[in-house]
Amino acid sequence: MSKAVLTIDDVASANTPAIVDYLCEKKIPVILFAVGEKVKQYYDEAIYALKKGILIGNHSYSHPAFSSLSLEEGIAEIERNEEVLNRLYKDAGVERRFRPFRFPYGDKGGENKDALQKYFKENGFDKVADEQITGSWYTGQNQHQDVDTLWTFDFGEWQIREGEDFTAVDVLKRMHEQHPGYGEALFEEGSHHILLLHAHDETEAMEPEYYKLFLEEALRGGVEFEAPRFVRL
């Protein structure tokens, strides 16, 4: 059996309420990482998630690669989305207790990495507790010292697109690989994970209810989903 915190990126979307309903039905805790532009486009869907008790974190305003930005531009991306999320929580009537952040593409800002980590620490961002994660892919990036939320396993379902050869079968195969490459083996006995899915309507169009297919496979494989814990560095 392995244990995992589930995270879903690129909220909000048209399929966000359906994803939320499924997770609530299965009692699977989750962090939704929101892109400000998409929240503004699907505001009611994001409100729905909050009112269902789902935690929403910051995934930048426009989803850029942070290594392509100056430090000032990177901070502006974060803070612009903070304004969107603060308003979202207020409109939903939900207290915003935790403020996790995930970089788009896992791009930590290149030469600005240390300065951005300092910014997170000085401005009250919350780190997902990860002391039980011991895999070499994760620890080799010194992620235990960083505030942002990386992942240990990416389902890769975002690659399911019209005209591409990648399918749901490839995702299921990846879930059972011992060496999945960009991440850790999902079903390794005693392992701990931060899992990455995406809320993409494009994937939904190609593989309806894709999130159910992959999460059900994870459950069958013995993954136990845990509520995230948070610390301040």
C-alpha atoms as a PDB file:
ATOM      1  CA  MET A   1       0.000   0.000   0.000  1.00  0.00           C
ATOM      2  CA  SER A   2       1.148   3.549  -0.755  1.00  0.00           C
ATOM      3  CA  LYS A   3      -0.200   6.805   0.628  1.00  0.00           C
ATOM      4  CA  ALA A   4      -0.809   9.947  -1.369  1.00  0.00           C
ATOM      5  CA  VAL A   5      -1.962  13.535  -1.338  1.00  0.00           C
ATOM      6  CA  LEU A   6      -3.937  14.276  -4.506  1.00  0.00           C
ATOM      7  CA  THR A   7      -3.447  17.572  -6.324  1.00  0.00           C
ATOM      8  CA  ILE A   8      -5.240  18.774  -9.463  1.00  0.00           C
ATOM      9  CA  ASP A   9      -3.825  21.617 -11.549  1.00  0.00           C
ATOM     10  CA  ASP A  10      -5.250  24.244 -13.908  1.00  0.00           C
ATOM     11  CA  VAL A  11      -8.561  24.847 -12.160  1.00  0.00           C
ATOM     12  CA  ALA A  12     -11.095  26.099 -12.957  1.00  0.00           C
ATOM     13  CA  SER A  13     -12.779  24.357 -15.869  1.00  0.00           C
ATOM     14  CA  ALA A  14     -16.215  23.314 -17.037  1.00  0.00           C
ATOM     15  CA  ASN A  15     -15.621  19.844 -15.597  1.00  0.00           C
ATOM     16  CA  THR A  16     -14.476  21.095 -12.181  1.00  0.00           C
ATOM     17  CA  PRO A  17     -17.877  20.520 -10.465  1.00  0.00           C
ATOM     18  CA  ALA A  18     -18.059  16.940 -11.773  1.00  0.00           C
ATOM     19  CA  ILE A  19     -14.525  16.255 -10.526  1.00  0.00           C
ATOM     20  CA  VAL A  20     -15.393  17.756  -7.145  1.00  0.00           C
ATOM     21  CA  ASP A  21     -18.584  15.697  -6.858  1.00  0.00           C
ATOM     22  CA  TYR A  22     -16.677  12.502  -7.575  1.00  0.00           C
ATOM     23  CA  LEU A  23     -13.969  13.302  -5.032  1.00  0.00           C
ATOM     24  CA  CYS A  24     -16.569  14.128  -2.394  1.00  0.00           C
ATOM     25  CA  GLU A  25     -18.447  10.902  -3.150  1.00  0.00           C
ATOM     26  CA  LYS A  26     -15.245   8.882  -2.760  1.00  0.00           C
ATOM     27  CA  LYS A  27     -14.076  10.974   0.213  1.00  0.00           C
ATOM     28  CA  ILE A  28     -10.766  11.710  -1.550  1.00  0.00           C
ATOM     29  CA  PRO A  29      -9.126  14.886  -0.182  1.00  0.00           C
ATOM     30  CA  VAL A  30      -7.530  17.167  -2.753  1.00  0.00           C
ATOM     31  CA  ILE A  31      -5.737  20.456  -3.357  1.00  0.00           C
ATOM     32  CA  LEU A  32      -6.925  22.227  -6.504  1.00  0.00           C
ATOM     33  CA  PHE A  33      -4.250  24.545  -7.895  1.00  0.00           C
ATOM     34  CA  ALA A  34      -5.937  27.421  -9.691  1.00  0.00           C
ATOM     35  CA  VAL A  35      -4.835  29.625 -12.582  1.00  0.00           C
ATOM     36  CA  GLY A  36      -6.242  33.130 -12.114  1.00  0.00           C
ATOM     37  CA  GLU A  37      -7.319  33.556 -15.725  1.00  0.00           C
ATOM     38  CA  LYS A  38      -9.218  30.271 -15.622  1.00  0.00           C
ATOM     39  CA  VAL A  39     -10.860  31.115 -12.303  1.00  0.00           C
ATOM     40  CA  LYS A  40     -12.182  34.319 -13.829  1.00  0.00           C
ATOM     41  CA  GLN A  41     -13.477  32.349 -16.823  1.00  0.00           C
ATOM     42  CA  TYR A  42     -15.116  29.634 -14.682  1.00  0.00           C
ATOM     43  CA  TYR A  43     -15.843  31.587 -11.531  1.00  0.00           C
ATOM     44  CA  ASP A  44     -19.033  29.799 -10.525  1.00  0.00           C
ATOM     45  CA  GLU A  45     -17.318  26.419 -10.943  1.00  0.00           C
ATOM     46  CA  ALA A  46     -14.524  27.536  -8.619  1.00  0.00           C
ATOM     47  CA  ILE A  47     -17.042  28.858  -6.090  1.00  0.00           C
ATOM     48  CA  TYR A  48     -18.760  25.462  -6.212  1.00  0.00           C
ATOM     49  CA  ALA A  49     -15.519  23.710  -5.278  1.00  0.00           C
ATOM     50  CA  LEU A  50     -14.932  25.975  -2.289  1.00  0.00           C
ATOM     51  CA  LYS A  51     -18.473  25.540  -1.027  1.00  0.00           C
ATOM     52  CA  LYS A  52     -17.956  21.771  -1.179  1.00  0.00           C
ATOM     53  CA  GLY A  53     -15.040  22.131   1.218  1.00  0.00           C
ATOM     54  CA  ILE A  54     -12.255  21.862  -1.355  1.00  0.00           C
ATOM     55  CA  LEU A  55      -8.964  23.684  -0.810  1.00  0.00           C
ATOM     56  CA  ILE A  56      -7.802  25.881  -3.695  1.00  0.00           C
ATOM     57  CA  GLY A  57      -4.164  26.950  -3.989  1.00  0.00           C
ATOM     58  CA  ASN A  58      -2.218  29.344  -6.218  1.00  0.00           C
ATOM     59  CA  HIS A  59      -0.924  28.168  -9.611  1.00  0.00           C
ATOM     60  CA  SER A  60      -0.060  31.663 -10.938  1.00  0.00           C
ATOM     61  CA  TYR A  61      -2.301  34.054 -12.852  1.00  0.00           C
ATOM     62  CA  SER A  62      -1.512  33.116 -16.464  1.00  0.00           C
ATOM     63  CA  HIS A  63       0.495  29.849 -16.197  1.00  0.00           C
ATOM     64  CA  PRO A  64       3.880  31.046 -17.488  1.00  0.00           C
ATOM     65  CA  ALA A  65       7.235  29.312 -17.271  1.00  0.00           C
ATOM     66  CA  PHE A  66       8.748  31.205 -14.351  1.00  0.00           C
ATOM     67  CA  SER A  67      12.310  30.854 -15.666  1.00  0.00           C
ATOM     68  CA  SER A  68      11.255  33.089 -18.566  1.00  0.00           C
ATOM     69  CA  LEU A  69      10.225  35.890 -16.162  1.00  0.00           C
ATOM     70  CA  SER A  70      12.133  38.425 -14.144  1.00  0.00           C
ATOM     71  CA  LEU A  71      11.805  38.167 -10.370  1.00  0.00           C
ATOM     72  CA  GLU A  72       9.432  41.121 -10.375  1.00  0.00           C
ATOM     73  CA  GLU A  73       7.303  39.568 -13.103  1.00  0.00           C
ATOM     74  CA  GLY A  74       7.180  36.256 -11.246  1.00  0.00           C
ATOM     75  CA  ILE A  75       6.060  37.875  -8.010  1.00  0.00           C
ATOM     76  CA  ALA A  76       3.458  39.878  -9.935  1.00  0.00           C
ATOM     77  CA  GLU A  77       2.063  36.617 -11.366  1.00  0.00           C
ATOM     78  CA  ILE A  78       1.756  35.172  -7.869  1.00  0.00           C
ATOM     79  CA  GLU A  79       0.244  38.276  -6.302  1.00  0.00           C
ATOM     80  CA  ARG A  80      -2.219  38.899  -9.110  1.00  0.00           C
ATOM     81  CA  ASN A  81      -3.586  35.407  -8.546  1.00  0.00           C
ATOM     82  CA  GLU A  82      -3.604  35.991  -4.794  1.00  0.00           C
ATOM     83  CA  GLU A  83      -6.023  38.847  -5.414  1.00  0.00           C
ATOM     84  CA  VAL A  84      -8.253  36.567  -7.499  1.00  0.00           C
ATOM     85  CA  LEU A  85      -8.210  33.824  -4.858  1.00  0.00           C
ATOM     86  CA  ASN A  86      -8.841  36.175  -1.951  1.00  0.00           C
ATOM     87  CA  ARG A  87     -11.884  37.527  -3.743  1.00  0.00           C
ATOM     88  CA  LEU A  88     -13.012  34.007  -4.645  1.00  0.00           C
ATOM     89  CA  TYR A  89     -12.857  32.816  -1.041  1.00  0.00           C
ATOM     90  CA  LYS A  90     -14.680  35.943   0.131  1.00  0.00           C
ATOM     91  CA  ASP A  91     -17.444  35.525  -2.438  1.00  0.00           C
ATOM     92  CA  ALA A  92     -17.818  31.868  -1.457  1.00  0.00           C
ATOM     93  CA  GLY A  93     -18.046  32.797   2.223  1.00  0.00           C
ATOM     94  CA  VAL A  94     -15.162  30.439   3.042  1.00  0.00           C
ATOM     95  CA  GLU A  95     -12.198  31.216   5.279  1.00  0.00           C
ATOM     96  CA  ARG A  96      -8.873  30.942   3.465  1.00  0.00           C
ATOM     97  CA  ARG A  97      -6.786  29.007   5.973  1.00  0.00           C
ATOM     98  CA  PHE A  98      -3.916  27.748   3.803  1.00  0.00           C
ATOM     99  CA  ARG A  99      -1.992  29.223   0.886  1.00  0.00           C
ATOM    100  CA  PRO A 100      -0.020  26.556  -1.011  1.00  0.00           C
ATOM    101  CA  PHE A 101       1.641  27.415  -4.322  1.00  0.00           C
ATOM    102  CA  ARG A 102       2.634  25.299  -7.323  1.00  0.00           C
ATOM    103  CA  PHE A 103       4.812  26.488 -10.180  1.00  0.00           C
ATOM    104  CA  PRO A 104       3.455  25.866 -13.697  1.00  0.00           C
ATOM    105  CA  TYR A 105       5.390  23.020 -15.345  1.00  0.00           C
ATOM    106  CA  GLY A 106       7.340  22.584 -12.096  1.00  0.00           C
ATOM    107  CA  ASP A 107       9.525  25.465 -13.339  1.00  0.00           C
ATOM    108  CA  LYS A 108      10.878  27.039 -10.144  1.00  0.00           C
ATOM    109  CA  GLY A 109      12.172  30.225 -11.724  1.00  0.00           C
ATOM    110  CA  GLY A 110      15.690  29.411 -12.867  1.00  0.00           C
ATOM    111  CA  GLU A 111      18.134  31.954 -11.474  1.00  0.00           C
ATOM    112  CA  ASN A 112      15.316  33.453  -9.387  1.00  0.00           C
ATOM    113  CA  LYS A 113      14.558  30.203  -7.549  1.00  0.00           C
ATOM    114  CA  ASP A 114      16.141  31.155  -4.216  1.00  0.00           C
ATOM    115  CA  ALA A 115      14.594  34.620  -4.267  1.00  0.00           C
ATOM    116  CA  LEU A 116      11.149  33.177  -4.957  1.00  0.00           C
ATOM    117  CA  GLN A 117      11.494  30.682  -2.106  1.00  0.00           C
ATOM    118  CA  LYS A 118      12.481  33.568   0.161  1.00  0.00           C
ATOM    119  CA  TYR A 119       9.380  35.448  -1.025  1.00  0.00           C
ATOM    120  CA  PHE A 120       7.126  32.493  -0.137  1.00  0.00           C
ATOM    121  CA  LYS A 121       8.637  32.212   3.344  1.00  0.00           C
ATOM    122  CA  GLU A 122       8.335  35.926   4.046  1.00  0.00           C
ATOM    123  CA  ASN A 123       4.765  36.191   2.783  1.00  0.00           C
ATOM    124  CA  GLY A 124       3.038  33.389   4.651  1.00  0.00           C
ATOM    125  CA  PHE A 125       2.723  30.686   2.012  1.00  0.00           C
ATOM    126  CA  ASP A 126       2.145  27.156   3.290  1.00  0.00           C
ATOM    127  CA  LYS A 127       4.223  24.102   2.464  1.00  0.00           C
ATOM    128  CA  VAL A 128       2.595  20.712   2.058  1.00  0.00           C
ATOM    129  CA  ALA A 129       4.217  18.526   4.716  1.00  0.00           C
ATOM    130  CA  ASP A 130       6.453  16.089   2.870  1.00  0.00           C
ATOM    131  CA  GLU A 131       8.777  14.591   5.479  1.00  0.00           C
ATOM    132  CA  GLN A 132       7.579  11.063   4.664  1.00  0.00           C
ATOM    133  CA  ILE A 133       8.485  11.323   0.974  1.00  0.00           C
ATOM    134  CA  THR A 134      11.825   9.603   0.481  1.00  0.00           C
ATOM    135  CA  GLY A 135      12.009   8.864  -3.249  1.00  0.00           C
ATOM    136  CA  SER A 136      15.238   9.910  -4.954  1.00  0.00           C
ATOM    137  CA  TRP A 137      13.528  11.880  -7.747  1.00  0.00           C
ATOM    138  CA  TYR A 138      11.886  14.156  -5.186  1.00  0.00           C
ATOM    139  CA  THR A 139      14.658  14.379  -2.613  1.00  0.00           C
ATOM    140  CA  GLY A 140      17.298  14.844  -5.295  1.00  0.00           C
ATOM    141  CA  GLN A 141      15.755  18.217  -6.097  1.00  0.00           C
ATOM    142  CA  ASN A 142      16.065  19.322  -2.447  1.00  0.00           C
ATOM    143  CA  GLN A 143      12.300  19.711  -2.426  1.00  0.00           C
ATOM    144  CA  HIS A 144      12.116  19.230   1.339  1.00  0.00           C
ATOM    145  CA  GLN A 145      13.677  22.689   1.730  1.00  0.00           C
ATOM    146  CA  ASP A 146      11.313  24.428  -0.716  1.00  0.00           C
ATOM    147  CA  VAL A 147       7.902  25.932   0.009  1.00  0.00           C
ATOM    148  CA  ASP A 148       6.237  25.284  -3.335  1.00  0.00           C
ATOM    149  CA  THR A 149       4.318  22.058  -3.955  1.00  0.00           C
ATOM    150  CA  LEU A 150       6.057  19.714  -6.370  1.00  0.00           C
ATOM    151  CA  TRP A 151       4.760  16.217  -7.164  1.00  0.00           C
ATOM    152  CA  THR A 152       6.121  12.687  -7.043  1.00  0.00           C
ATOM    153  CA  PHE A 153       3.911  11.215  -9.778  1.00  0.00           C
ATOM    154  CA  ASP A 154       2.304  12.912 -12.792  1.00  0.00           C
ATOM    155  CA  PHE A 155      -0.433  10.815 -14.424  1.00  0.00           C
ATOM    156  CA  GLY A 156       0.398  12.572 -17.695  1.00  0.00           C
ATOM    157  CA  GLU A 157      -3.236  12.524 -18.822  1.00  0.00           C
ATOM    158  CA  TRP A 158      -2.828  16.078 -20.146  1.00  0.00           C
ATOM    159  CA  GLN A 159      -1.177  14.450 -23.166  1.00  0.00           C
ATOM    160  CA  ILE A 160      -4.456  12.856 -24.272  1.00  0.00           C
ATOM    161  CA  ARG A 161      -5.300  15.143 -27.167  1.00  0.00           C
ATOM    162  CA  GLU A 162      -6.881  14.897 -30.593  1.00  0.00           C
ATOM    163  CA  GLY A 163      -4.299  13.887 -33.165  1.00  0.00           C
ATOM    164  CA  GLU A 164      -1.861  12.508 -30.572  1.00  0.00           C
ATOM    165  CA  ASP A 165      -0.980   8.847 -30.060  1.00  0.00           C
ATOM    166  CA  PHE A 166      -1.052   9.097 -26.261  1.00  0.00           C
ATOM    167  CA  THR A 167      -4.188   7.498 -24.770  1.00  0.00           C
ATOM    168  CA  ALA A 168      -5.719   6.460 -21.457  1.00  0.00           C
ATOM    169  CA  VAL A 169      -4.039   3.072 -21.910  1.00  0.00           C
ATOM    170  CA  ASP A 170      -0.662   4.823 -21.785  1.00  0.00           C
ATOM    171  CA  VAL A 171      -1.631   6.491 -18.505  1.00  0.00           C
ATOM    172  CA  LEU A 172      -2.652   3.166 -16.995  1.00  0.00           C
ATOM    173  CA  LYS A 173       0.639   1.612 -18.116  1.00  0.00           C
ATOM    174  CA  ARG A 174       2.585   4.490 -16.619  1.00  0.00           C
ATOM    175  CA  MET A 175       0.807   3.989 -13.302  1.00  0.00           C
ATOM    176  CA  HIS A 176       2.314   0.489 -13.056  1.00  0.00           C
ATOM    177  CA  GLU A 177       5.848   1.314 -14.197  1.00  0.00           C
ATOM    178  CA  GLN A 178       8.642   0.789 -11.692  1.00  0.00           C
ATOM    179  CA  HIS A 179      10.655   3.620 -13.240  1.00  0.00           C
ATOM    180  CA  PRO A 180       8.189   6.156 -14.673  1.00  0.00           C
ATOM    181  CA  GLY A 181      10.980   8.627 -15.413  1.00  0.00           C
ATOM    182  CA  TYR A 182       9.753  12.025 -14.332  1.00  0.00           C
ATOM    183  CA  GLY A 183       8.640  10.905 -10.873  1.00  0.00           C
ATOM    184  CA  GLU A 184       8.472   7.916  -8.536  1.00  0.00           C
ATOM    185  CA  ALA A 185       6.833   4.471  -8.863  1.00  0.00           C
ATOM    186  CA  LEU A 186       3.206   4.875  -7.792  1.00  0.00           C
ATOM    187  CA  PHE A 187       2.490   1.473  -6.246  1.00  0.00           C
ATOM    188  CA  GLU A 188       5.738   0.850  -4.393  1.00  0.00           C
ATOM    189  CA  GLU A 189       4.894  -0.630  -1.009  1.00  0.00           C
ATOM    190  CA  GLY A 190       5.209   1.886   1.820  1.00  0.00           C
ATOM    191  CA  SER A 191       5.803   4.874  -0.456  1.00  0.00           C
ATOM    192  CA  HIS A 192       4.360   8.357   0.014  1.00  0.00           C
ATOM    193  CA  HIS A 193       3.282  10.568  -2.859  1.00  0.00           C
ATOM    194  CA  ILE A 194       1.985  13.892  -4.033  1.00  0.00           C
ATOM    195  CA  LEU A 195      -0.033  13.001  -7.150  1.00  0.00           C
ATOM    196  CA  LEU A 196      -0.717  15.316 -10.081  1.00  0.00           C
ATOM    197  CA  LEU A 197      -3.846  15.343 -12.250  1.00  0.00           C
ATOM    198  CA  HIS A 198      -5.267  18.216 -14.300  1.00  0.00           C
ATOM    199  CA  ALA A 199      -8.749  19.672 -14.737  1.00  0.00           C
ATOM    200  CA  HIS A 200      -8.791  19.898 -18.532  1.00  0.00           C
ATOM    201  CA  ASP A 201     -11.940  19.998 -20.598  1.00  0.00           C
ATOM    202  CA  GLU A 202      -9.828  18.945 -23.592  1.00  0.00           C
ATOM    203  CA  THR A 203      -9.024  15.663 -21.846  1.00  0.00           C
ATOM    204  CA  GLU A 204     -12.672  15.249 -20.889  1.00  0.00           C
ATOM    205  CA  ALA A 205     -13.663  15.545 -24.545  1.00  0.00           C
ATOM    206  CA  MET A 206     -11.246  12.766 -25.518  1.00  0.00           C
ATOM    207  CA  GLU A 207     -11.767  10.490 -22.487  1.00  0.00           C
ATOM    208  CA  PRO A 208     -15.015  11.255 -20.601  1.00  0.00           C
ATOM    209  CA  GLU A 209     -14.615  11.061 -16.818  1.00  0.00           C
ATOM    210  CA  TYR A 210     -10.901  10.343 -17.208  1.00  0.00           C
ATOM    211  CA  TYR A 211     -10.287  11.297 -13.577  1.00  0.00           C
ATOM    212  CA  LYS A 212     -12.531   8.438 -12.417  1.00  0.00           C
ATOM    213  CA  LEU A 213     -10.686   5.925 -14.577  1.00  0.00           C
ATOM    214  CA  PHE A 214      -7.261   6.813 -13.188  1.00  0.00           C
ATOM    215  CA  LEU A 215      -8.236   7.379  -9.570  1.00  0.00           C
ATOM    216  CA  GLU A 216     -10.194   4.119  -9.483  1.00  0.00           C
ATOM    217  CA  GLU A 217      -7.079   2.360 -10.778  1.00  0.00           C
ATOM    218  CA  ALA A 218      -5.053   4.026  -8.033  1.00  0.00           C
ATOM    219  CA  LEU A 219      -7.526   2.825  -5.418  1.00  0.00           C
ATOM    220  CA  ARG A 220      -7.457  -0.712  -6.822  1.00  0.00           C
ATOM    221  CA  GLY A 221      -3.672  -0.615  -6.653  1.00  0.00           C
ATOM    222  CA  GLY A 222      -3.776   0.119  -2.939  1.00  0.00           C
ATOM    223  CA  VAL A 223      -3.247   3.885  -2.871  1.00  0.00           C
ATOM    224  CA  GLU A 224      -4.663   5.436   0.294  1.00  0.00           C
ATOM    225  CA  PHE A 225      -5.494   9.111  -0.162  1.00  0.00           C
ATOM    226  CA  GLU A 226      -4.649  11.405   2.739  1.00  0.00           C
ATOM    227  CA  ALA A 227      -5.649  14.937   3.614  1.00  0.00           C
ATOM    228  CA  PRO A 228      -2.711  17.304   3.171  1.00  0.00           C
ATOM    229  CA  ARG A 229      -0.942  18.718   6.205  1.00  0.00           C
ATOM    230  CA  PHE A 230       0.789  22.084   6.091  1.00  0.00           C
ATOM    231  CA  VAL A 231       3.831  23.687   7.670  1.00  0.00           C
ATOM    232  CA  ARG A 232       5.468  27.105   7.544  1.00  0.00           C
ATOM    233  CA  LEU A 233       9.166  27.302   6.775  1.00  0.00           C
END
